Amino acid sequence: MLVGPKYKICKRLGASVFEKCQTQKFQLAEANATPRRSRPKRGGGSDFGAQLLEKQKARFTYGLSESQFSRYVFEAMEGRVPSAALVTRLEARLDNAVFRAGFVKTRRAARQLVSHGHVTVNGKRLTIPSHFLKEGDVVAIRTESRTSPLFMSRTEEAAATKTPAWMKLEEDTFSFTLTATPTVAETELAFSPAVIIQFYSR
């Protein structure tokens, strides 16, 4: 997915949408910036504008195109609890799970890792970042890829990684098992799934 200048997007949507913006340098720059008193907020402060911003936050956080994201939302709206179903659909993506496991530091890097064939699911090599994982699936870095310089400090990084409750990192630190349905508490998210559902329910 192609995006514009990341710092500019972070200033509008918040630092959480890109890992690149989650640095002390960016935070200091924001703190020292002169407030734009004369420029109105995008969306004019309307409900539509607020809902649009929440949607964009989620879309950029997971690095999805508009068509991908809207498809996930409409699929979630068919469930009993659409907001929870949306979070599960986003978190259960293979690239997101690889990121959550701490194999790489960003979702973008996780997407590249999967696309380049370095990841297996239940022993089968997959190159589809959007692959939907299910409870019981075993995800691993291919044995041939583990000697890559990318994983030289894997042991130390694994020890410092806080994996989600729905994931069990194996002893080799190069694989994990989904022990439950992926989910994240709404209080831990940088966006509101419920507001996004409202946006698409108009």
N, C-alpha and C. Protein backbone atom coordinates (compact mmCIF):
# COMPACT_ATOMS: atom_id res chain seq x y z
N MET A 1 0.84 -1.19 0.00
CA MET A 1 0.00 0.00 0.00
C MET A 1 0.88 1.24 0.00
N LEU A 2 0.66 2.14 -0.93
CA LEU A 2 1.41 3.38 -0.99
C LEU A 2 0.79 4.42 -0.07
N VAL A 3 1.63 5.12 0.68
CA VAL A 3 1.15 6.17 1.58
C VAL A 3 1.96 7.42 1.33
N GLY A 4 1.46 8.55 1.83
CA GLY A 4 2.17 9.81 1.69
C GLY A 4 3.25 9.94 2.75
N PRO A 5 3.75 11.15 2.97
CA PRO A 5 4.77 11.38 3.99
C PRO A 5 4.29 10.90 5.36
N LYS A 6 5.03 9.99 5.98
CA LYS A 6 4.56 9.37 7.22
C LYS A 6 4.45 10.36 8.38
N TYR A 7 5.41 11.27 8.50
CA TYR A 7 5.34 12.22 9.60
C TYR A 7 4.10 13.10 9.47
N LYS A 8 3.77 13.48 8.24
CA LYS A 8 2.60 14.32 8.01
C LYS A 8 1.33 13.58 8.40
N ILE A 9 1.27 12.30 8.06
CA ILE A 9 0.10 11.48 8.41
C ILE A 9 0.01 11.32 9.92
N CYS A 10 1.15 11.11 10.58
CA CYS A 10 1.16 10.95 12.03
C CYS A 10 0.69 12.20 12.75
N LYS A 11 1.03 13.36 12.20
CA LYS A 11 0.59 14.62 12.82
C LYS A 11 -0.92 14.76 12.76
N ARG A 12 -1.52 14.18 11.72
CA ARG A 12 -2.98 14.28 11.56
C ARG A 12 -3.72 13.19 12.32
N LEU A 13 -3.16 11.96 12.32
CA LEU A 13 -3.88 10.82 12.89
C LEU A 13 -3.35 10.36 14.23
N GLY A 14 -2.11 10.75 14.56
CA GLY A 14 -1.52 10.29 15.81
C GLY A 14 -0.31 9.42 15.55
N ALA A 15 0.63 9.42 16.49
CA ALA A 15 1.90 8.71 16.31
C ALA A 15 1.73 7.19 16.24
N SER A 16 0.62 6.67 16.70
CA SER A 16 0.45 5.21 16.77
C SER A 16 0.31 4.55 15.41
N VAL A 17 0.01 5.31 14.37
CA VAL A 17 -0.26 4.69 13.07
C VAL A 17 1.00 4.15 12.40
N PHE A 18 2.17 4.71 12.72
CA PHE A 18 3.42 4.23 12.15
C PHE A 18 4.47 4.10 13.25
N GLU A 19 5.20 2.99 13.24
CA GLU A 19 6.26 2.80 14.22
C GLU A 19 7.33 3.88 14.08
N LYS A 20 7.51 4.38 12.86
CA LYS A 20 8.51 5.41 12.59
C LYS A 20 8.26 6.66 13.42
N CYS A 21 7.01 6.91 13.74
CA CYS A 21 6.66 8.12 14.49
C CYS A 21 6.73 7.91 16.00
N GLN A 22 6.91 6.69 16.43
CA GLN A 22 6.92 6.41 17.87
C GLN A 22 8.33 6.54 18.42
N THR A 23 8.92 7.70 18.19
CA THR A 23 10.28 7.97 18.64
C THR A 23 10.30 9.26 19.46
N GLN A 24 11.33 9.40 20.26
CA GLN A 24 11.47 10.61 21.08
C GLN A 24 11.64 11.84 20.20
N LYS A 25 12.33 11.66 19.07
CA LYS A 25 12.56 12.78 18.16
C LYS A 25 11.24 13.34 17.64
N PHE A 26 10.33 12.43 17.25
CA PHE A 26 9.04 12.88 16.74
C PHE A 26 8.22 13.55 17.83
N GLN A 27 8.23 12.97 19.02
CA GLN A 27 7.46 13.52 20.13
C GLN A 27 7.95 14.92 20.50
N LEU A 28 9.27 15.11 20.50
CA LEU A 28 9.82 16.43 20.81
C LEU A 28 9.45 17.45 19.75
N ALA A 29 9.48 17.01 18.49
CA ALA A 29 9.12 17.90 17.39
C ALA A 29 7.67 18.34 17.50
N GLU A 30 6.80 17.42 17.88
CA GLU A 30 5.39 17.73 18.05
C GLU A 30 5.17 18.68 19.23
N ALA A 31 5.91 18.45 20.31
CA ALA A 31 5.76 19.29 21.49
C ALA A 31 6.23 20.72 21.24
N ASN A 32 7.22 20.86 20.37
CA ASN A 32 7.76 22.19 20.09
C ASN A 32 7.07 22.91 18.93
N ALA A 33 6.16 22.19 18.26
CA ALA A 33 5.50 22.77 17.10
C ALA A 33 4.55 23.90 17.53
N THR A 34 4.44 24.91 16.70
CA THR A 34 3.54 26.02 16.97
C THR A 34 2.11 25.61 16.64
N PRO A 35 1.17 25.77 17.56
CA PRO A 35 -0.22 25.38 17.28
C PRO A 35 -0.77 26.14 16.08
N ARG A 36 -1.53 25.42 15.23
CA ARG A 36 -2.13 26.05 14.06
C ARG A 36 -3.51 26.57 14.42
N ARG A 37 -3.55 27.78 14.91
CA ARG A 37 -4.81 28.32 15.40
C ARG A 37 -5.79 28.64 14.28
N SER A 38 -5.25 29.01 13.12
CA SER A 38 -6.13 29.48 12.05
C SER A 38 -6.64 28.38 11.13
N ARG A 39 -6.05 27.18 11.28
CA ARG A 39 -6.43 26.11 10.37
C ARG A 39 -7.45 25.19 11.00
N PRO A 40 -8.64 25.04 10.42
CA PRO A 40 -9.66 24.17 11.02
C PRO A 40 -9.28 22.71 10.92
N LYS A 41 -9.78 21.92 11.85
CA LYS A 41 -9.52 20.50 11.81
C LYS A 41 -10.24 19.84 10.64
N ARG A 42 -9.60 18.78 10.11
CA ARG A 42 -10.20 18.07 9.01
C ARG A 42 -11.52 17.45 9.45
N GLY A 43 -12.54 17.59 8.64
CA GLY A 43 -13.84 17.05 8.98
C GLY A 43 -14.72 18.06 9.68
N GLY A 44 -14.13 19.23 10.01
CA GLY A 44 -14.92 20.30 10.61
C GLY A 44 -15.47 19.97 11.98
N GLY A 45 -14.93 18.94 12.66
CA GLY A 45 -15.42 18.59 13.97
C GLY A 45 -16.74 17.85 13.94
N SER A 46 -17.21 17.44 12.78
CA SER A 46 -18.48 16.73 12.65
C SER A 46 -18.31 15.27 13.05
N ASP A 47 -19.44 14.58 13.25
CA ASP A 47 -19.41 13.15 13.54
C ASP A 47 -18.77 12.39 12.39
N PHE A 48 -19.10 12.78 11.17
CA PHE A 48 -18.52 12.13 10.00
C PHE A 48 -17.00 12.28 10.00
N GLY A 49 -16.52 13.49 10.31
CA GLY A 49 -15.08 13.73 10.34
C GLY A 49 -14.39 12.89 11.40
N ALA A 50 -14.99 12.78 12.57
CA ALA A 50 -14.41 11.99 13.66
C ALA A 50 -14.37 10.51 13.29
N GLN A 51 -15.45 10.02 12.66
CA GLN A 51 -15.49 8.63 12.25
C GLN A 51 -14.46 8.33 11.17
N LEU A 52 -14.31 9.27 10.26
CA LEU A 52 -13.33 9.12 9.18
C LEU A 52 -11.92 9.01 9.73
N LEU A 53 -11.60 9.84 10.72
CA LEU A 53 -10.27 9.80 11.32
C LEU A 53 -10.01 8.46 12.01
N GLU A 54 -11.02 7.92 12.69
CA GLU A 54 -10.85 6.62 13.35
C GLU A 54 -10.59 5.53 12.32
N LYS A 55 -11.31 5.61 11.23
CA LYS A 55 -11.11 4.62 10.15
C LYS A 55 -9.71 4.70 9.58
N GLN A 56 -9.24 5.93 9.35
CA GLN A 56 -7.90 6.12 8.79
C GLN A 56 -6.82 5.67 9.76
N LYS A 57 -7.03 5.91 11.05
CA LYS A 57 -6.07 5.45 12.05
C LYS A 57 -5.89 3.93 11.96
N ALA A 58 -6.99 3.21 11.92
CA ALA A 58 -6.93 1.75 11.87
C ALA A 58 -6.32 1.27 10.56
N ARG A 59 -6.70 1.89 9.47
CA ARG A 59 -6.21 1.46 8.16
C ARG A 59 -4.71 1.63 8.03
N PHE A 60 -4.20 2.77 8.47
CA PHE A 60 -2.76 3.01 8.38
C PHE A 60 -1.99 2.19 9.40
N THR A 61 -2.57 1.95 10.57
CA THR A 61 -1.91 1.14 11.58
C THR A 61 -1.59 -0.25 11.05
N TYR A 62 -2.55 -0.85 10.35
CA TYR A 62 -2.35 -2.21 9.83
C TYR A 62 -1.84 -2.23 8.39
N GLY A 63 -1.68 -1.04 7.79
CA GLY A 63 -1.12 -0.96 6.44
C GLY A 63 -2.01 -1.56 5.37
N LEU A 64 -3.30 -1.23 5.41
CA LEU A 64 -4.26 -1.82 4.48
C LEU A 64 -4.76 -0.79 3.47
N SER A 65 -5.12 -1.28 2.29
CA SER A 65 -5.75 -0.42 1.30
C SER A 65 -7.20 -0.19 1.70
N GLU A 66 -7.83 0.77 1.08
CA GLU A 66 -9.23 1.06 1.39
C GLU A 66 -10.12 -0.14 1.08
N SER A 67 -9.87 -0.80 -0.04
CA SER A 67 -10.71 -1.95 -0.42
C SER A 67 -10.54 -3.11 0.56
N GLN A 68 -9.29 -3.37 0.99
CA GLN A 68 -9.05 -4.44 1.96
C GLN A 68 -9.76 -4.14 3.28
N PHE A 69 -9.57 -2.92 3.75
CA PHE A 69 -10.12 -2.57 5.05
C PHE A 69 -11.64 -2.60 5.04
N SER A 70 -12.25 -2.04 4.01
CA SER A 70 -13.72 -2.03 3.94
C SER A 70 -14.27 -3.46 3.86
N ARG A 71 -13.54 -4.35 3.20
CA ARG A 71 -14.00 -5.74 3.13
C ARG A 71 -13.99 -6.37 4.51
N TYR A 72 -12.96 -6.10 5.29
CA TYR A 72 -12.90 -6.63 6.65
C TYR A 72 -14.05 -6.10 7.49
N VAL A 73 -14.35 -4.81 7.32
CA VAL A 73 -15.44 -4.20 8.11
C VAL A 73 -16.77 -4.85 7.76
N PHE A 74 -17.06 -5.01 6.47
CA PHE A 74 -18.35 -5.58 6.07
C PHE A 74 -18.46 -7.05 6.50
N GLU A 75 -17.34 -7.76 6.50
CA GLU A 75 -17.36 -9.13 7.00
C GLU A 75 -17.66 -9.13 8.49
N ALA A 76 -17.05 -8.18 9.23
CA ALA A 76 -17.27 -8.09 10.67
C ALA A 76 -18.71 -7.73 11.00
N MET A 77 -19.33 -6.92 10.16
CA MET A 77 -20.70 -6.48 10.41
C MET A 77 -21.71 -7.61 10.29
N GLU A 78 -21.28 -8.74 9.75
CA GLU A 78 -22.16 -9.90 9.67
C GLU A 78 -22.17 -10.70 10.97
N GLY A 79 -21.24 -10.37 11.88
CA GLY A 79 -21.15 -11.08 13.15
C GLY A 79 -22.04 -10.48 14.22
N ARG A 80 -22.10 -11.14 15.37
CA ARG A 80 -22.96 -10.69 16.46
C ARG A 80 -22.40 -9.44 17.14
N VAL A 81 -21.07 -9.37 17.23
CA VAL A 81 -20.41 -8.20 17.83
C VAL A 81 -19.42 -7.66 16.79
N PRO A 82 -19.89 -6.80 15.90
CA PRO A 82 -19.06 -6.33 14.79
C PRO A 82 -17.72 -5.72 15.19
N SER A 83 -17.70 -4.90 16.24
CA SER A 83 -16.45 -4.25 16.64
C SER A 83 -15.40 -5.26 17.06
N ALA A 84 -15.80 -6.28 17.82
CA ALA A 84 -14.86 -7.32 18.24
C ALA A 84 -14.42 -8.17 17.06
N ALA A 85 -15.35 -8.44 16.14
CA ALA A 85 -15.03 -9.23 14.96
C ALA A 85 -14.03 -8.51 14.06
N LEU A 86 -14.14 -7.18 14.00
CA LEU A 86 -13.21 -6.40 13.19
C LEU A 86 -11.80 -6.49 13.75
N VAL A 87 -11.68 -6.34 15.06
CA VAL A 87 -10.36 -6.42 15.70
C VAL A 87 -9.74 -7.79 15.48
N THR A 88 -10.55 -8.84 15.62
CA THR A 88 -10.06 -10.19 15.40
C THR A 88 -9.58 -10.37 13.97
N ARG A 89 -10.34 -9.83 13.03
CA ARG A 89 -9.97 -9.98 11.61
C ARG A 89 -8.65 -9.28 11.33
N LEU A 90 -8.41 -8.15 11.94
CA LEU A 90 -7.17 -7.42 11.74
C LEU A 90 -5.99 -8.10 12.43
N GLU A 91 -6.21 -8.55 13.67
CA GLU A 91 -5.14 -9.16 14.44
C GLU A 91 -4.75 -10.54 13.93
N ALA A 92 -5.70 -11.23 13.29
CA ALA A 92 -5.45 -12.60 12.83
C ALA A 92 -4.71 -12.66 11.49
N ARG A 93 -4.40 -11.52 10.90
CA ARG A 93 -3.59 -11.51 9.69
C ARG A 93 -2.21 -12.09 10.00
N LEU A 94 -1.66 -12.84 9.06
CA LEU A 94 -0.36 -13.47 9.27
C LEU A 94 0.74 -12.43 9.53
N ASP A 95 0.75 -11.35 8.74
CA ASP A 95 1.80 -10.36 8.94
C ASP A 95 1.71 -9.69 10.31
N ASN A 96 0.48 -9.44 10.78
CA ASN A 96 0.32 -8.83 12.10
C ASN A 96 0.79 -9.77 13.20
N ALA A 97 0.46 -11.06 13.08
CA ALA A 97 0.87 -12.03 14.09
C ALA A 97 2.39 -12.16 14.14
N VAL A 98 3.04 -12.12 12.98
CA VAL A 98 4.50 -12.17 12.92
C VAL A 98 5.10 -10.96 13.63
N PHE A 99 4.47 -9.81 13.44
CA PHE A 99 4.90 -8.59 14.13
C PHE A 99 4.68 -8.71 15.63
N ARG A 100 3.51 -9.20 16.04
CA ARG A 100 3.18 -9.34 17.46
C ARG A 100 4.14 -10.30 18.16
N ALA A 101 4.62 -11.30 17.42
CA ALA A 101 5.54 -12.29 18.00
C ALA A 101 6.94 -11.72 18.20
N GLY A 102 7.20 -10.56 17.61
CA GLY A 102 8.50 -9.93 17.77
C GLY A 102 9.56 -10.42 16.81
N PHE A 103 9.14 -11.12 15.74
CA PHE A 103 10.11 -11.58 14.75
C PHE A 103 10.78 -10.39 14.05
N VAL A 104 10.02 -9.33 13.86
CA VAL A 104 10.52 -8.08 13.28
C VAL A 104 9.90 -6.92 14.06
N LYS A 105 10.39 -5.71 13.82
CA LYS A 105 9.99 -4.58 14.65
C LYS A 105 8.81 -3.78 14.12
N THR A 106 8.42 -3.99 12.86
CA THR A 106 7.30 -3.24 12.29
C THR A 106 6.40 -4.17 11.49
N ARG A 107 5.16 -3.74 11.29
CA ARG A 107 4.24 -4.53 10.48
C ARG A 107 4.68 -4.53 9.02
N ARG A 108 5.25 -3.44 8.58
CA ARG A 108 5.75 -3.37 7.20
C ARG A 108 6.85 -4.41 6.96
N ALA A 109 7.75 -4.52 7.93
CA ALA A 109 8.83 -5.51 7.83
C ALA A 109 8.25 -6.93 7.88
N ALA A 110 7.20 -7.11 8.70
CA ALA A 110 6.56 -8.42 8.79
C ALA A 110 5.92 -8.80 7.45
N ARG A 111 5.31 -7.81 6.80
CA ARG A 111 4.70 -8.06 5.50
C ARG A 111 5.75 -8.50 4.47
N GLN A 112 6.90 -7.86 4.51
CA GLN A 112 7.98 -8.21 3.59
C GLN A 112 8.53 -9.60 3.91
N LEU A 113 8.65 -9.91 5.20
CA LEU A 113 9.15 -11.21 5.63
C LEU A 113 8.28 -12.33 5.09
N VAL A 114 6.97 -12.14 5.20
CA VAL A 114 6.03 -13.15 4.69
C VAL A 114 6.08 -13.21 3.16
N SER A 115 6.04 -12.05 2.52
CA SER A 115 6.01 -11.99 1.06
C SER A 115 7.24 -12.65 0.43
N HIS A 116 8.37 -12.58 1.12
CA HIS A 116 9.61 -13.14 0.59
C HIS A 116 9.79 -14.62 0.92
N GLY A 117 8.76 -15.20 1.53
CA GLY A 117 8.77 -16.65 1.74
C GLY A 117 9.56 -17.15 2.94
N HIS A 118 9.75 -16.31 3.95
CA HIS A 118 10.53 -16.72 5.13
C HIS A 118 9.69 -17.33 6.23
N VAL A 119 8.37 -17.39 6.04
CA VAL A 119 7.46 -17.84 7.10
C VAL A 119 6.66 -19.06 6.66
N THR A 120 6.44 -19.97 7.60
CA THR A 120 5.60 -21.14 7.34
C THR A 120 4.42 -21.15 8.31
N VAL A 121 3.32 -21.73 7.87
CA VAL A 121 2.14 -21.93 8.72
C VAL A 121 1.81 -23.40 8.69
N ASN A 122 1.88 -24.04 9.84
CA ASN A 122 1.66 -25.49 9.95
C ASN A 122 2.59 -26.26 9.00
N GLY A 123 3.82 -25.77 8.90
CA GLY A 123 4.83 -26.44 8.10
C GLY A 123 4.81 -26.10 6.62
N LYS A 124 3.84 -25.32 6.19
CA LYS A 124 3.71 -24.97 4.77
C LYS A 124 4.17 -23.53 4.54
N ARG A 125 5.03 -23.34 3.58
CA ARG A 125 5.53 -22.00 3.27
C ARG A 125 4.42 -21.15 2.65
N LEU A 126 4.22 -19.96 3.22
CA LEU A 126 3.18 -19.05 2.73
C LEU A 126 3.80 -17.70 2.38
N THR A 127 3.26 -17.08 1.35
CA THR A 127 3.74 -15.75 0.93
C THR A 127 2.59 -14.75 0.87
N ILE A 128 1.53 -15.02 1.62
CA ILE A 128 0.35 -14.16 1.61
C ILE A 128 0.21 -13.48 2.96
N PRO A 129 0.58 -12.20 3.08
CA PRO A 129 0.52 -11.50 4.37
C PRO A 129 -0.87 -11.46 4.99
N SER A 130 -1.91 -11.46 4.14
CA SER A 130 -3.28 -11.35 4.65
C SER A 130 -3.88 -12.69 5.06
N HIS A 131 -3.09 -13.76 5.00
CA HIS A 131 -3.62 -15.08 5.38
C HIS A 131 -4.23 -15.03 6.77
N PHE A 132 -5.44 -15.55 6.92
CA PHE A 132 -6.18 -15.49 8.17
C PHE A 132 -5.82 -16.69 9.05
N LEU A 133 -5.20 -16.42 10.18
CA LEU A 133 -4.79 -17.47 11.09
C LEU A 133 -5.95 -17.90 11.99
N LYS A 134 -5.90 -19.17 12.40
CA LYS A 134 -6.93 -19.71 13.27
C LYS A 134 -6.29 -20.34 14.50
N GLU A 135 -7.10 -20.54 15.52
CA GLU A 135 -6.61 -21.16 16.75
C GLU A 135 -5.98 -22.51 16.45
N GLY A 136 -4.80 -22.75 16.99
CA GLY A 136 -4.09 -24.00 16.76
C GLY A 136 -3.03 -23.92 15.68
N ASP A 137 -3.05 -22.87 14.87
CA ASP A 137 -2.05 -22.72 13.81
C ASP A 137 -0.66 -22.50 14.42
N VAL A 138 0.34 -23.09 13.78
CA VAL A 138 1.73 -22.94 14.21
C VAL A 138 2.47 -22.14 13.14
N VAL A 139 2.99 -21.00 13.53
CA VAL A 139 3.71 -20.11 12.61
C VAL A 139 5.19 -20.13 12.98
N ALA A 140 6.04 -20.23 11.96
CA ALA A 140 7.48 -20.32 12.23
C ALA A 140 8.29 -19.65 11.14
N ILE A 141 9.50 -19.23 11.51
CA ILE A 141 10.47 -18.76 10.53
C ILE A 141 11.11 -20.00 9.91
N ARG A 142 11.20 -20.05 8.60
CA ARG A 142 11.78 -21.21 7.93
C ARG A 142 13.19 -21.49 8.46
N THR A 143 13.52 -22.76 8.59
CA THR A 143 14.83 -23.16 9.10
C THR A 143 15.95 -22.54 8.28
N GLU A 144 15.76 -22.49 6.95
CA GLU A 144 16.79 -21.93 6.06
C GLU A 144 16.99 -20.44 6.27
N SER A 145 15.98 -19.78 6.81
CA SER A 145 16.04 -18.32 6.98
C SER A 145 16.57 -17.89 8.35
N ARG A 146 16.67 -18.83 9.27
CA ARG A 146 17.04 -18.46 10.64
C ARG A 146 18.49 -18.01 10.80
N THR A 147 19.32 -18.32 9.82
CA THR A 147 20.72 -17.91 9.88
C THR A 147 20.92 -16.51 9.30
N SER A 148 19.84 -15.89 8.83
CA SER A 148 19.93 -14.56 8.26
C SER A 148 20.38 -13.56 9.32
N PRO A 149 21.15 -12.53 8.92
CA PRO A 149 21.57 -11.48 9.87
C PRO A 149 20.38 -10.81 10.56
N LEU A 150 19.21 -10.89 9.94
CA LEU A 150 18.01 -10.30 10.52
C LEU A 150 17.68 -10.90 11.88
N PHE A 151 18.09 -12.17 12.09
CA PHE A 151 17.73 -12.88 13.32
C PHE A 151 18.94 -13.17 14.21
N MET A 152 20.03 -12.45 14.02
CA MET A 152 21.25 -12.70 14.80
C MET A 152 21.02 -12.51 16.29
N SER A 153 20.20 -11.53 16.66
CA SER A 153 19.95 -11.26 18.09
C SER A 153 18.56 -11.74 18.50
N ARG A 154 18.08 -12.77 17.85
CA ARG A 154 16.72 -13.25 18.08
C ARG A 154 16.47 -13.65 19.53
N THR A 155 17.41 -14.33 20.15
CA THR A 155 17.23 -14.79 21.53
C THR A 155 16.98 -13.63 22.49
N GLU A 156 17.79 -12.57 22.36
CA GLU A 156 17.64 -11.41 23.24
C GLU A 156 16.33 -10.68 22.95
N GLU A 157 15.99 -10.56 21.68
CA GLU A 157 14.76 -9.87 21.32
C GLU A 157 13.53 -10.62 21.81
N ALA A 158 13.59 -11.95 21.74
CA ALA A 158 12.46 -12.77 22.21
C ALA A 158 12.23 -12.57 23.70
N ALA A 159 13.31 -12.46 24.46
CA ALA A 159 13.20 -12.28 25.90
C ALA A 159 12.58 -10.93 26.26
N ALA A 160 12.77 -9.95 25.38
CA ALA A 160 12.25 -8.61 25.64
C ALA A 160 10.87 -8.37 25.04
N THR A 161 10.35 -9.35 24.29
CA THR A 161 9.07 -9.20 23.62
C THR A 161 7.91 -9.65 24.51
N LYS A 162 6.90 -8.82 24.62
CA LYS A 162 5.70 -9.18 25.36
C LYS A 162 4.66 -9.67 24.36
N THR A 163 4.50 -10.97 24.28
CA THR A 163 3.57 -11.54 23.31
C THR A 163 2.14 -11.48 23.84
N PRO A 164 1.15 -11.41 22.94
CA PRO A 164 -0.26 -11.37 23.36
C PRO A 164 -0.67 -12.66 24.07
N ALA A 165 -1.75 -12.59 24.83
CA ALA A 165 -2.23 -13.75 25.58
C ALA A 165 -2.68 -14.87 24.66
N TRP A 166 -3.05 -14.53 23.41
CA TRP A 166 -3.55 -15.56 22.49
C TRP A 166 -2.43 -16.23 21.69
N MET A 167 -1.21 -16.00 22.10
CA MET A 167 -0.07 -16.53 21.37
C MET A 167 0.93 -17.15 22.34
N LYS A 168 1.45 -18.33 22.00
CA LYS A 168 2.48 -18.98 22.82
C LYS A 168 3.76 -19.09 22.00
N LEU A 169 4.79 -18.38 22.45
CA LEU A 169 6.08 -18.43 21.78
C LEU A 169 6.78 -19.71 22.20
N GLU A 170 7.24 -20.49 21.24
CA GLU A 170 7.88 -21.77 21.54
C GLU A 170 9.31 -21.55 22.03
N GLU A 171 9.90 -22.60 22.60
CA GLU A 171 11.22 -22.50 23.20
C GLU A 171 12.30 -22.12 22.20
N ASP A 172 12.12 -22.49 20.94
CA ASP A 172 13.15 -22.15 19.96
C ASP A 172 13.12 -20.67 19.60
N THR A 173 12.09 -19.96 20.05
CA THR A 173 11.84 -18.52 19.83
C THR A 173 11.64 -18.16 18.36
N PHE A 174 11.67 -19.14 17.48
CA PHE A 174 11.47 -18.89 16.05
C PHE A 174 10.08 -19.35 15.59
N SER A 175 9.25 -19.76 16.53
CA SER A 175 7.91 -20.22 16.18
C SER A 175 6.94 -19.91 17.30
N PHE A 176 5.66 -19.86 16.95
CA PHE A 176 4.63 -19.64 17.96
C PHE A 176 3.35 -20.35 17.54
N THR A 177 2.49 -20.57 18.52
CA THR A 177 1.21 -21.23 18.29
C THR A 177 0.08 -20.31 18.72
N LEU A 178 -0.95 -20.23 17.91
CA LEU A 178 -2.14 -19.46 18.30
C LEU A 178 -2.95 -20.32 19.26
N THR A 179 -3.04 -19.88 20.50
CA THR A 179 -3.73 -20.66 21.53
C THR A 179 -5.18 -20.22 21.73
N ALA A 180 -5.56 -19.12 21.09
CA ALA A 180 -6.93 -18.60 21.22
C ALA A 180 -7.22 -17.67 20.05
N THR A 181 -8.45 -17.22 19.97
CA THR A 181 -8.82 -16.27 18.92
C THR A 181 -8.14 -14.93 19.18
N PRO A 182 -7.42 -14.40 18.19
CA PRO A 182 -6.71 -13.11 18.39
C PRO A 182 -7.67 -11.98 18.72
N THR A 183 -7.34 -11.22 19.73
CA THR A 183 -8.16 -10.08 20.11
C THR A 183 -7.31 -9.08 20.88
N VAL A 184 -7.79 -7.86 20.97
CA VAL A 184 -7.11 -6.81 21.72
C VAL A 184 -8.19 -5.99 22.43
N ALA A 185 -7.98 -5.67 23.69
CA ALA A 185 -8.94 -4.85 24.42
C ALA A 185 -9.02 -3.48 23.76
N GLU A 186 -10.24 -2.95 23.66
CA GLU A 186 -10.43 -1.66 22.98
C GLU A 186 -9.64 -0.55 23.65
N THR A 187 -9.40 -0.68 24.95
CA THR A 187 -8.64 0.35 25.66
C THR A 187 -7.17 0.35 25.25
N GLU A 188 -6.71 -0.73 24.62
CA GLU A 188 -5.31 -0.83 24.20
C GLU A 188 -5.12 -0.41 22.74
N LEU A 189 -6.22 -0.10 22.07
CA LEU A 189 -6.14 0.29 20.67
C LEU A 189 -6.05 1.80 20.52
N ALA A 190 -5.43 2.22 19.42
CA ALA A 190 -5.30 3.66 19.14
C ALA A 190 -6.50 4.18 18.37
N PHE A 191 -7.48 3.34 18.13
CA PHE A 191 -8.69 3.72 17.40
C PHE A 191 -9.89 3.02 18.02
N SER A 192 -11.08 3.48 17.65
CA SER A 192 -12.30 2.89 18.19
C SER A 192 -13.00 2.03 17.14
N PRO A 193 -13.01 0.71 17.29
CA PRO A 193 -13.69 -0.17 16.33
C PRO A 193 -15.18 0.15 16.22
N ALA A 194 -15.81 0.51 17.33
CA ALA A 194 -17.24 0.81 17.32
C ALA A 194 -17.55 2.02 16.44
N VAL A 195 -16.69 3.04 16.52
CA VAL A 195 -16.89 4.24 15.70
C VAL A 195 -16.70 3.92 14.22
N ILE A 196 -15.76 3.03 13.93
CA ILE A 196 -15.52 2.63 12.53
C ILE A 196 -16.75 1.90 11.98
N ILE A 197 -17.34 1.04 12.80
CA ILE A 197 -18.55 0.33 12.37
C ILE A 197 -19.66 1.33 12.09
N GLN A 198 -19.77 2.37 12.91
CA GLN A 198 -20.77 3.41 12.68
C GLN A 198 -20.53 4.11 11.36
N PHE A 199 -19.27 4.35 11.03
CA PHE A 199 -18.92 5.04 9.79
C PHE A 199 -19.42 4.24 8.58
N TYR A 200 -19.23 2.93 8.62
CA TYR A 200 -19.64 2.10 7.47
C TYR A 200 -21.11 1.73 7.52
N SER A 201 -21.79 2.05 8.62
CA SER A 201 -23.22 1.73 8.75
C SER A 201 -24.10 2.86 8.25
N ARG A 202 -23.49 3.95 7.80
CA ARG A 202 -24.29 5.11 7.37
C ARG A 202 -25.16 4.75 6.17
